[in-house]
Amino acid sequence: MANAVQPTESAEPVDRALVPALNGGCRILAALAAGGPAGMTLSELVGELGISKSSAHGLLRTLQAWGYVQRESESRRFRLGATLVSMGQAAATQLRPAALLGERLPVLAGEHQLTFGLAQVTAGTAQVTDRAYPSTGVHVGIGIGSEYGPFDGAIGKCLLAAADPAEAEEIVRGTEIPRHTERTIVDPDVLLAEVALVRERGWAASAGELKENQAVAAPFIGVDGELSLVVFALGFPAQLPDDAIPAVGTVLRKTVGAVQDDLGFQTEKETPWRDK
């Protein structure tokens, strides 16, 4: 089949730690997706992917049991299953906010002459997935993949604010807060007051607390009511002085609220983290 997936090194992952059976199932799904609406027979899949007929049969039976693959009784051809439709819709719901926020980053960077970025939140940490720099002048750089925890500046305050207040207090009081700079807040009471303020106003600030630069961040609450993304701005003190931070925080909060409105989000939890 001309449009089927070719099992070449350039088209497939080569990580030796991959689980063989799961990898085989993913290869079958990829082949069926590329094969089009006509579907593929067992023999065609075996020839396309270079696996044994018994292995292909076992993988297909498993995928059928989960609804990821279906088989036409008359033609005996395999096609993608209906379960993938709901999974695709769920994936689109999760990925679309990041895409919409990402589209706004270059515009914000141009308007405010600051670095703007986006971080994905997973298991209590945030990892930078997108960024935009001003087209002219010096700017604060940040690497894609950079990770932030609960004690890391403005993004960290968003992570703490997203936690249950009792849980956030346990984290803050149960850990020696690392001093990143001379301005790092290491007093638990002061930090918890800052976190409470994030919940009130919908944005967090770090005035030289993590690095020498200034940072502002706003949490993005997903449709499930959980923190999923953090959008942030970075600038040198001369570009983003302390008295300019509230204005940038308001911009980020309104940006988050606009994207939530565009998506028609009705979150499961009451949250003040959006602009009405």
Protein backbone atom coordinates (compact mmCIF):
# COMPACT_ATOMS: atom_id res chain seq x y z
CA MET A 1 0.00 0.00 0.00
CA ALA A 2 1.59 3.23 -1.15
CA ASN A 3 0.54 5.39 1.78
CA ALA A 4 1.22 2.95 4.60
CA VAL A 5 3.75 3.56 7.33
CA GLN A 6 7.20 2.30 6.46
CA PRO A 7 8.99 0.61 9.37
CA THR A 8 12.23 2.51 8.98
CA GLU A 9 14.51 3.90 11.66
CA SER A 10 13.61 7.43 10.66
CA ALA A 11 9.86 6.81 11.10
CA GLU A 12 9.87 4.88 14.37
CA PRO A 13 11.31 5.29 17.86
CA VAL A 14 14.56 3.41 18.43
CA ASP A 15 14.64 3.53 22.25
CA ARG A 16 15.74 0.07 23.40
CA ALA A 17 13.70 0.48 26.59
CA LEU A 18 10.41 0.40 24.66
CA VAL A 19 8.02 -2.41 25.65
CA PRO A 20 7.97 -4.73 22.58
CA ALA A 21 4.28 -5.67 22.74
CA LEU A 22 3.11 -2.09 23.31
CA ASN A 23 5.44 -0.87 20.57
CA GLY A 24 3.99 -3.48 18.23
CA GLY A 25 0.46 -2.36 18.99
CA CYS A 26 1.40 1.26 18.31
CA ARG A 27 2.95 0.24 14.98
CA ILE A 28 -0.29 -1.49 14.00
CA LEU A 29 -2.36 1.57 14.88
CA ALA A 30 0.01 3.79 12.89
CA ALA A 31 -0.20 1.47 9.89
CA LEU A 32 -4.01 1.37 10.01
CA ALA A 33 -4.17 5.16 10.34
CA ALA A 34 -1.93 5.59 7.28
CA GLY A 35 -3.73 2.84 5.37
CA GLY A 36 -6.92 4.85 4.97
CA PRO A 37 -10.61 3.88 5.15
CA ALA A 38 -10.13 0.66 3.15
CA GLY A 39 -8.38 -0.93 6.10
CA MET A 40 -5.84 -3.74 5.95
CA THR A 41 -5.92 -7.52 6.12
CA LEU A 42 -3.84 -9.53 8.56
CA SER A 43 -1.52 -10.56 5.72
CA GLU A 44 -1.07 -6.96 4.63
CA LEU A 45 -0.18 -5.87 8.16
CA VAL A 46 2.30 -8.72 8.54
CA GLY A 47 3.97 -7.81 5.26
CA GLU A 48 3.93 -4.10 5.98
CA LEU A 49 5.39 -4.28 9.47
CA GLY A 50 7.63 -7.33 9.11
CA ILE A 51 6.23 -9.19 12.13
CA SER A 52 5.02 -12.77 12.44
CA LYS A 53 1.40 -13.65 11.79
CA SER A 54 0.98 -15.04 15.31
CA SER A 55 2.34 -11.84 16.89
CA ALA A 56 0.14 -9.66 14.70
CA HIS A 57 -2.90 -11.81 15.52
CA GLY A 58 -2.31 -11.52 19.27
CA LEU A 59 -1.77 -7.76 19.12
CA LEU A 60 -4.89 -7.27 17.01
CA ARG A 61 -7.04 -9.33 19.39
CA THR A 62 -5.87 -7.15 22.28
CA LEU A 63 -6.50 -3.94 20.38
CA GLN A 64 -9.95 -5.21 19.39
CA ALA A 65 -10.79 -6.00 23.02
CA TRP A 66 -10.07 -2.36 23.91
CA GLY A 67 -12.01 -1.03 20.92
CA TYR A 68 -8.90 0.49 19.32
CA VAL A 69 -9.28 -1.76 16.27
CA GLN A 70 -12.33 -3.26 14.60
CA ARG A 71 -12.61 -6.05 12.04
CA GLU A 72 -15.18 -6.29 9.28
CA SER A 73 -16.75 -9.74 9.39
CA GLU A 74 -17.21 -10.08 5.61
CA SER A 75 -14.03 -8.51 4.24
CA ARG A 76 -11.94 -9.56 7.27
CA ARG A 77 -10.14 -6.23 7.02
CA PHE A 78 -8.99 -4.31 10.06
CA ARG A 79 -9.70 -0.63 10.65
CA LEU A 80 -9.25 1.81 13.52
CA GLY A 81 -11.88 1.39 16.24
CA ALA A 82 -14.45 3.79 17.63
CA THR A 83 -12.69 4.05 21.00
CA LEU A 84 -10.01 6.14 19.32
CA VAL A 85 -12.60 8.80 18.46
CA SER A 86 -13.28 9.64 22.10
CA MET A 87 -9.57 9.43 22.88
CA GLY A 88 -8.81 11.82 20.04
CA GLN A 89 -11.42 14.24 21.32
CA ALA A 90 -9.90 14.06 24.80
CA ALA A 91 -6.42 14.66 23.39
CA ALA A 92 -7.66 17.65 21.40
CA THR A 93 -9.27 19.09 24.54
CA GLN A 94 -5.99 18.76 26.40
CA LEU A 95 -3.73 20.03 23.62
CA ARG A 96 -5.83 22.89 22.28
CA PRO A 97 -5.34 25.21 25.28
CA ALA A 98 -1.56 24.97 24.87
CA ALA A 99 -1.89 25.68 21.16
CA LEU A 100 -4.11 28.73 21.71
CA LEU A 101 -1.86 30.12 24.43
CA GLY A 102 1.19 29.42 22.29
CA GLU A 103 -0.28 31.48 19.46
CA ARG A 104 -0.52 34.47 21.79
CA LEU A 105 3.07 34.35 23.06
CA PRO A 106 4.73 36.12 20.08
CA VAL A 107 2.08 38.84 20.16
CA LEU A 108 2.60 39.42 23.88
CA ALA A 109 6.39 39.43 23.46
CA GLY A 110 6.12 42.05 20.73
CA GLU A 111 3.68 44.23 22.63
CA HIS A 112 5.49 44.21 25.96
CA GLN A 113 9.12 43.61 24.89
CA LEU A 114 9.47 40.78 27.40
CA THR A 115 10.09 37.04 27.14
CA PHE A 116 6.83 35.07 27.32
CA GLY A 117 6.57 31.32 27.79
CA LEU A 118 4.32 28.38 28.53
CA ALA A 119 4.91 25.49 30.92
CA GLN A 120 3.05 22.16 31.07
CA VAL A 121 2.17 20.97 34.57
CA THR A 122 2.61 17.28 35.37
CA ALA A 123 2.79 15.63 38.79
CA GLY A 124 3.49 18.85 40.66
CA THR A 125 6.21 20.17 38.37
CA ALA A 126 6.10 22.52 35.39
CA GLN A 127 8.17 22.06 32.24
CA VAL A 128 8.63 24.81 29.65
CA THR A 129 7.14 23.74 26.32
CA ASP A 130 6.98 27.02 24.39
CA ARG A 131 8.48 30.51 24.44
CA ALA A 132 8.61 33.74 22.46
CA TYR A 133 11.22 36.50 22.52
CA PRO A 134 10.94 40.18 21.53
CA SER A 135 12.11 40.73 17.97
CA THR A 136 14.58 43.44 19.01
CA GLY A 137 16.77 44.26 22.00
CA VAL A 138 18.11 42.07 24.78
CA HIS A 139 15.84 39.62 26.54
CA VAL A 140 15.87 36.93 29.22
CA GLY A 141 16.49 33.53 27.66
CA ILE A 142 14.85 30.31 28.77
CA GLY A 143 15.33 26.76 27.52
CA ILE A 144 12.59 24.48 26.27
CA GLY A 145 12.37 21.63 28.76
CA SER A 146 13.40 23.72 31.76
CA GLU A 147 11.64 22.40 34.87
CA TYR A 148 10.25 24.25 37.88
CA GLY A 149 9.14 23.00 41.26
CA PRO A 150 7.06 24.52 44.07
CA PHE A 151 9.93 26.68 45.38
CA ASP A 152 10.98 28.07 42.01
CA GLY A 153 9.81 31.66 41.70
CA ALA A 154 6.52 32.72 40.15
CA ILE A 155 5.84 29.38 38.49
CA GLY A 156 6.45 27.62 41.80
CA LYS A 157 3.91 29.87 43.53
CA CYS A 158 1.34 28.88 40.90
CA LEU A 159 2.04 25.21 41.64
CA LEU A 160 1.56 25.79 45.36
CA ALA A 161 -1.58 27.84 44.81
CA ALA A 162 -3.08 24.99 42.77
CA ALA A 163 -2.67 22.55 45.64
CA ASP A 164 -5.16 22.19 48.46
CA PRO A 165 -4.29 24.91 51.02
CA ALA A 166 -3.54 22.32 53.69
CA GLU A 167 -1.32 20.39 51.30
CA ALA A 168 0.47 23.56 50.23
CA GLU A 169 1.12 24.47 53.85
CA GLU A 170 2.48 21.00 54.54
CA ILE A 171 4.86 21.31 51.59
CA VAL A 172 6.08 24.75 52.61
CA ARG A 173 6.46 24.05 56.32
CA GLY A 174 7.80 20.54 55.88
CA THR A 175 10.72 21.49 53.64
CA GLU A 176 13.68 23.79 54.07
CA ILE A 177 13.01 26.41 51.41
CA PRO A 178 16.07 26.74 49.15
CA ARG A 179 17.57 30.22 48.96
CA HIS A 180 18.20 30.88 45.27
CA THR A 181 19.08 34.57 45.63
CA GLU A 182 19.21 37.20 48.35
CA ARG A 183 15.57 38.04 47.57
CA THR A 184 14.26 34.47 47.83
CA ILE A 185 11.37 34.19 50.29
CA VAL A 186 12.48 31.60 52.85
CA ASP A 187 10.01 32.49 55.61
CA PRO A 188 7.13 29.95 55.39
CA ASP A 189 4.55 32.44 56.64
CA VAL A 190 5.53 35.03 54.05
CA LEU A 191 5.56 32.47 51.23
CA LEU A 192 2.16 31.08 52.21
CA ALA A 193 0.77 34.62 52.24
CA GLU A 194 2.12 35.06 48.69
CA VAL A 195 0.47 31.81 47.63
CA ALA A 196 -2.86 32.94 49.10
CA LEU A 197 -2.52 36.15 47.10
CA VAL A 198 -2.03 34.13 43.91
CA ARG A 199 -5.35 32.40 44.57
CA GLU A 200 -7.01 35.79 45.06
CA ARG A 201 -5.73 37.74 42.07
CA GLY A 202 -4.91 34.99 39.55
CA TRP A 203 -1.19 35.63 39.02
CA ALA A 204 2.12 35.23 40.80
CA ALA A 205 5.30 37.29 40.85
CA SER A 206 8.96 36.68 41.55
CA ALA A 207 11.02 39.83 42.00
CA GLY A 208 14.53 38.42 41.71
CA GLU A 209 13.64 35.48 43.96
CA LEU A 210 14.75 32.64 41.66
CA LYS A 211 17.27 34.42 39.46
CA GLU A 212 18.24 38.04 39.11
CA ASN A 213 15.51 38.62 36.54
CA GLN A 214 11.84 39.38 37.25
CA ALA A 215 9.04 36.92 36.54
CA VAL A 216 5.26 36.93 36.45
CA ALA A 217 3.11 33.83 35.95
CA ALA A 218 -0.57 32.95 35.68
CA PRO A 219 -2.11 29.50 36.12
CA PHE A 220 -4.37 27.96 33.49
CA ILE A 221 -7.09 25.74 34.91
CA GLY A 222 -8.21 22.90 32.64
CA VAL A 223 -11.75 21.72 32.03
CA ASP A 224 -11.33 19.26 34.92
CA GLY A 225 -10.65 22.10 37.31
CA GLU A 226 -6.98 21.19 37.72
CA LEU A 227 -3.89 23.25 36.95
CA SER A 228 -2.62 22.16 33.55
CA LEU A 229 -0.52 25.04 32.22
CA VAL A 230 1.30 28.12 33.45
CA VAL A 231 1.86 31.11 31.16
CA PHE A 232 4.65 33.43 32.26
CA ALA A 233 6.65 36.55 31.44
CA LEU A 234 10.32 37.25 32.13
CA GLY A 235 12.33 40.46 32.06
CA PHE A 236 15.41 42.10 33.44
CA PRO A 237 14.71 44.49 36.33
CA ALA A 238 15.14 47.51 34.04
CA GLN A 239 12.57 46.04 31.61
CA LEU A 240 10.16 44.82 34.26
CA PRO A 241 10.56 46.89 37.44
CA ASP A 242 8.65 45.95 40.57
CA ASP A 243 5.97 48.59 40.02
CA ALA A 244 5.23 47.26 36.50
CA ILE A 245 4.66 43.68 37.65
CA PRO A 246 0.92 44.08 38.49
CA ALA A 247 0.15 45.31 34.98
CA VAL A 248 1.87 42.29 33.42
CA GLY A 249 0.09 40.01 35.87
CA THR A 250 -3.23 41.45 34.74
CA VAL A 251 -2.27 40.87 31.09
CA LEU A 252 -1.48 37.22 31.80
CA ARG A 253 -4.67 36.71 33.79
CA LYS A 254 -6.76 38.22 30.99
CA THR A 255 -4.94 36.08 28.42
CA VAL A 256 -5.77 32.95 30.39
CA GLY A 257 -9.39 34.01 30.80
CA ALA A 258 -9.75 34.79 27.09
CA VAL A 259 -8.51 31.33 26.10
CA GLN A 260 -10.80 29.66 28.63
CA ASP A 261 -13.71 31.63 27.21
CA ASP A 262 -12.72 30.75 23.63
CA LEU A 263 -12.78 27.08 24.61
CA GLY A 264 -16.08 27.43 26.45
CA PHE A 265 -14.57 25.96 29.59
CA GLN A 266 -16.93 25.36 32.47
CA THR A 267 -14.53 24.06 35.10
CA GLU A 268 -15.58 21.53 37.71
CA LYS A 269 -14.06 23.60 40.52
CA GLU A 270 -14.80 27.15 41.53
CA THR A 271 -11.68 29.22 40.89
CA PRO A 272 -10.85 32.93 40.90
CA TRP A 273 -8.02 32.27 38.43
CA ARG A 274 -9.63 33.92 35.46
CA ASP A 275 -10.75 37.35 34.43
CA LYS A 276 -14.50 37.79 34.52
